[in-house]
Amino acid sequence: MGCQSVSVHSISKAVPIKSSQADDVALVHQITDLKRLFDDTFASDFNTRLIKGDDEPIYLPANTGEGKLPAQPFAQVVFAHGFYASALHEIAHWCLAGEQRRTQVDYGYWYCPDGRTAEEQQKFQSVEIKPQAIEWALSLAAGFRFQVSCDNLSGDEFGQQPDRLAFEKQILDQIKVYLDNGYPPRAQLFIECLAAFYNQSPFDELKRLVT
């Protein structure tokens, strides 16, 4: 069955690192730090918290218990399985979502799983360009490795894999637009927050990437 819409979710993956580096990376990039930074930055003004999930990522708006959702006093950006990369990816989507989108489960999008047709993959990537441009900046701000995610390991109906390099070029083009015109306000705020905490200079690195 074809997908009627395209999900906001593609679980971003960190670039594989050598085993000798793994312990240091795990020590530096603690989920507890990321949750605290996000909640301290946004919980008061946006009534939103970052939540470690046990399954797939999802965004849940605050709800009084009306409809099918259980009552919850604050919105939740739920990331997958405690993965740091997934948390950054879901934060990027939240930073981009407008006020109306943030009143809907998963911002009103429908998940289209791995194994998309070529047309579905094109639509998926078109809505992933801006979030991954934000995620790339967040990753640099945290000193965390970023990898572009096409999120379609099974390939399309013709057995073809997505053109990752072409997609990466689109993301880099969007990064240049953001550098010229400014990142969305919440994204800018959290990029600066992470950069201060991890002592990074993400905008210098972003400029180098697009030069």
Protein backbone atom coordinates (compact mmCIF):
# COMPACT_ATOMS: atom_id res chain seq x y z
CA MET A 1 0.00 0.00 0.00
CA GLY A 2 1.34 3.42 -0.92
CA CYS A 3 1.87 6.06 1.73
CA GLN A 4 -0.51 8.99 1.87
CA SER A 5 2.05 11.21 3.54
CA VAL A 6 5.64 11.17 4.63
CA SER A 7 6.97 10.73 8.14
CA VAL A 8 9.15 13.25 9.86
CA HIS A 9 11.18 10.37 11.24
CA SER A 10 14.39 8.90 9.96
CA ILE A 11 16.53 7.72 12.83
CA SER A 12 19.83 9.45 12.26
CA LYS A 13 22.88 7.34 12.89
CA ALA A 14 26.29 8.37 14.09
CA VAL A 15 29.24 7.50 11.87
CA PRO A 16 30.83 4.29 13.17
CA ILE A 17 33.84 4.94 15.39
CA LYS A 18 36.72 2.76 16.46
CA SER A 19 36.18 0.72 19.60
CA SER A 20 39.05 2.54 21.31
CA GLN A 21 37.08 5.78 20.97
CA ALA A 22 33.71 4.43 22.05
CA ASP A 23 34.13 4.84 25.80
CA ASP A 24 35.27 8.45 25.49
CA VAL A 25 32.35 9.30 23.21
CA ALA A 26 29.88 7.65 25.58
CA LEU A 27 31.30 9.60 28.51
CA VAL A 28 31.10 12.94 26.70
CA HIS A 29 27.68 12.51 25.12
CA GLN A 30 25.39 11.66 28.00
CA ILE A 31 21.65 11.56 27.35
CA THR A 32 21.08 12.98 30.82
CA ASP A 33 23.01 16.10 29.83
CA LEU A 34 21.07 16.48 26.59
CA LYS A 35 17.73 16.05 28.35
CA ARG A 36 18.65 18.59 31.01
CA LEU A 37 19.85 21.14 28.45
CA PHE A 38 16.71 20.74 26.34
CA ASP A 39 14.32 20.88 29.28
CA ASP A 40 16.09 23.84 30.88
CA THR A 41 15.94 25.70 27.56
CA PHE A 42 12.39 24.92 26.43
CA ALA A 43 10.22 23.44 29.19
CA SER A 44 9.14 26.77 30.65
CA ASP A 45 8.37 28.70 27.46
CA PHE A 46 7.16 25.81 25.29
CA ASN A 47 5.89 23.27 27.84
CA THR A 48 7.94 20.59 26.08
CA ARG A 49 10.36 17.98 27.39
CA LEU A 50 12.80 15.54 25.81
CA ILE A 51 11.88 11.93 26.65
CA LYS A 52 13.90 8.73 26.28
CA GLY A 53 11.67 6.19 24.52
CA ASP A 54 11.81 2.41 24.44
CA ASP A 55 10.54 2.07 20.88
CA GLU A 56 10.24 4.25 17.77
CA PRO A 57 10.50 8.04 18.05
CA ILE A 58 7.33 10.11 18.24
CA TYR A 59 6.16 13.59 19.13
CA LEU A 60 3.23 13.80 21.57
CA PRO A 61 1.53 17.14 22.22
CA ALA A 62 0.28 18.14 25.63
CA ASN A 63 -3.23 16.75 26.12
CA THR A 64 -6.03 17.17 28.64
CA GLY A 65 -7.26 13.61 28.03
CA GLU A 66 -9.66 14.42 25.22
CA GLY A 67 -9.87 12.05 22.28
CA LYS A 68 -7.78 8.87 22.16
CA LEU A 69 -4.65 10.21 23.84
CA PRO A 70 -4.01 9.88 27.57
CA ALA A 71 -3.80 13.10 29.52
CA GLN A 72 -0.30 14.54 29.79
CA PRO A 73 0.54 18.01 31.07
CA PHE A 74 3.45 18.71 28.71
CA ALA A 75 4.47 17.93 25.12
CA GLN A 76 7.02 15.16 24.64
CA VAL A 77 9.80 14.86 22.07
CA VAL A 78 10.36 11.10 22.36
CA PHE A 79 13.57 9.71 20.87
CA ALA A 80 14.42 6.08 20.12
CA HIS A 81 16.08 3.65 22.52
CA GLY A 82 18.21 6.23 24.31
CA PHE A 83 20.28 6.96 21.19
CA TYR A 84 21.99 10.35 21.26
CA ALA A 85 21.75 10.68 17.47
CA SER A 86 18.02 9.94 17.53
CA ALA A 87 17.55 12.62 20.20
CA LEU A 88 19.31 15.23 18.05
CA HIS A 89 17.23 14.23 15.04
CA GLU A 90 13.94 14.52 16.91
CA ILE A 91 15.01 17.84 18.44
CA ALA A 92 15.73 19.12 14.92
CA HIS A 93 12.20 18.26 13.79
CA TRP A 94 10.72 19.95 16.85
CA CYS A 95 12.81 23.09 16.28
CA LEU A 96 11.38 23.31 12.76
CA ALA A 97 7.73 22.52 13.50
CA GLY A 98 5.35 25.48 13.62
CA GLU A 99 2.82 26.17 16.35
CA GLN A 100 -0.06 24.35 14.63
CA ARG A 101 2.10 21.31 13.82
CA ARG A 102 3.10 21.07 17.47
CA THR A 103 -0.53 20.51 18.49
CA GLN A 104 -0.63 17.22 16.51
CA VAL A 105 0.82 13.77 17.15
CA ASP A 106 4.02 13.47 15.10
CA TYR A 107 3.28 16.98 13.83
CA GLY A 108 0.44 15.57 11.71
CA TYR A 109 2.67 13.46 9.47
CA TRP A 110 2.22 9.78 8.59
CA TYR A 111 5.07 7.28 8.79
CA CYS A 112 6.16 5.71 5.51
CA PRO A 113 8.45 2.79 6.43
CA ASP A 114 11.63 1.42 4.90
CA GLY A 115 11.00 -0.06 1.44
CA ARG A 116 9.53 3.11 -0.07
CA THR A 117 8.92 3.46 -3.78
CA ALA A 118 11.12 5.89 -5.69
CA GLU A 119 8.33 8.49 -5.57
CA GLU A 120 7.78 8.00 -1.84
CA GLN A 121 11.52 8.25 -1.19
CA GLN A 122 11.70 11.52 -3.12
CA LYS A 123 8.88 12.95 -1.01
CA PHE A 124 10.51 11.66 2.17
CA GLN A 125 13.83 13.28 1.36
CA SER A 126 12.18 16.57 0.43
CA VAL A 127 10.79 16.92 3.96
CA GLU A 128 14.06 15.73 5.55
CA ILE A 129 16.35 18.38 4.03
CA LYS A 130 15.66 21.13 6.56
CA PRO A 131 15.58 18.88 9.65
CA GLN A 132 18.87 17.26 8.72
CA ALA A 133 20.40 20.68 8.03
CA ILE A 134 19.42 21.59 11.60
CA GLU A 135 20.56 18.22 12.97
CA TRP A 136 23.96 18.64 11.32
CA ALA A 137 24.40 21.96 13.13
CA LEU A 138 23.23 20.48 16.43
CA SER A 139 25.68 17.59 16.02
CA LEU A 140 28.58 19.95 15.38
CA ALA A 141 27.54 22.04 18.36
CA ALA A 142 27.70 18.92 20.53
CA GLY A 143 30.94 17.66 19.00
CA PHE A 144 29.02 14.60 17.82
CA ARG A 145 29.51 12.87 14.47
CA PHE A 146 26.72 13.31 11.97
CA GLN A 147 25.76 11.09 9.05
CA VAL A 148 23.20 11.91 6.40
CA SER A 149 20.31 9.44 6.61
CA CYS A 150 18.25 8.43 3.58
CA ASP A 151 16.54 5.82 5.79
CA ASN A 152 15.58 3.37 3.03
CA LEU A 153 17.90 0.39 3.40
CA SER A 154 15.61 -1.93 1.42
CA GLY A 155 15.75 0.26 -1.67
CA ASP A 156 12.89 1.19 -3.97
CA GLU A 157 10.66 -0.97 -6.17
CA PHE A 158 13.47 -1.14 -8.75
CA GLY A 159 16.01 -2.35 -6.20
CA GLN A 160 17.81 1.00 -6.28
CA GLN A 161 19.31 2.67 -3.22
CA PRO A 162 18.78 6.41 -2.69
CA ASP A 163 21.48 8.73 -4.03
CA ARG A 164 23.01 9.66 -0.69
CA LEU A 165 25.56 12.09 -2.14
CA ALA A 166 22.89 14.03 -4.01
CA PHE A 167 20.79 14.20 -0.85
CA GLU A 168 23.80 15.39 1.14
CA LYS A 169 24.32 18.15 -1.44
CA GLN A 170 20.73 19.29 -0.92
CA ILE A 171 21.27 19.40 2.83
CA LEU A 172 24.48 21.39 2.44
CA ASP A 173 22.66 23.84 0.16
CA GLN A 174 20.05 24.29 2.89
CA ILE A 175 22.78 24.83 5.48
CA LYS A 176 24.12 27.64 3.31
CA VAL A 177 20.64 29.19 3.22
CA TYR A 178 20.45 28.97 7.01
CA LEU A 179 23.91 30.52 7.38
CA ASP A 180 22.89 33.39 5.10
CA ASN A 181 19.43 33.97 6.58
CA GLY A 182 19.58 32.47 10.07
CA TYR A 183 18.48 29.17 11.53
CA PRO A 184 14.93 28.90 12.92
CA PRO A 185 14.88 30.65 16.33
CA ARG A 186 14.56 27.55 18.52
CA ALA A 187 17.23 25.76 16.50
CA GLN A 188 19.57 28.75 16.79
CA LEU A 189 19.00 28.90 20.53
CA PHE A 190 19.74 25.22 21.09
CA ILE A 191 22.74 25.20 18.75
CA GLU A 192 24.21 27.99 20.87
CA CYS A 193 23.27 26.15 24.07
CA LEU A 194 25.02 22.94 22.98
CA ALA A 195 28.04 24.84 21.66
CA ALA A 196 28.51 26.56 25.02
CA PHE A 197 28.11 23.32 26.98
CA TYR A 198 30.46 21.27 24.77
CA ASN A 199 32.82 24.18 23.98
CA GLN A 200 32.39 23.90 20.20
CA SER A 201 32.32 26.39 17.30
CA PRO A 202 29.66 24.89 15.01
CA PHE A 203 29.13 27.87 12.75
CA ASP A 204 32.80 28.03 11.80
CA GLU A 205 32.64 24.36 10.86
CA LEU A 206 29.38 24.82 8.94
CA LYS A 207 30.91 27.65 6.92
CA ARG A 208 33.84 25.41 6.10
CA LEU A 209 31.49 22.66 4.93
CA VAL A 210 29.66 24.86 2.45
CA THR A 211 32.68 26.73 1.13
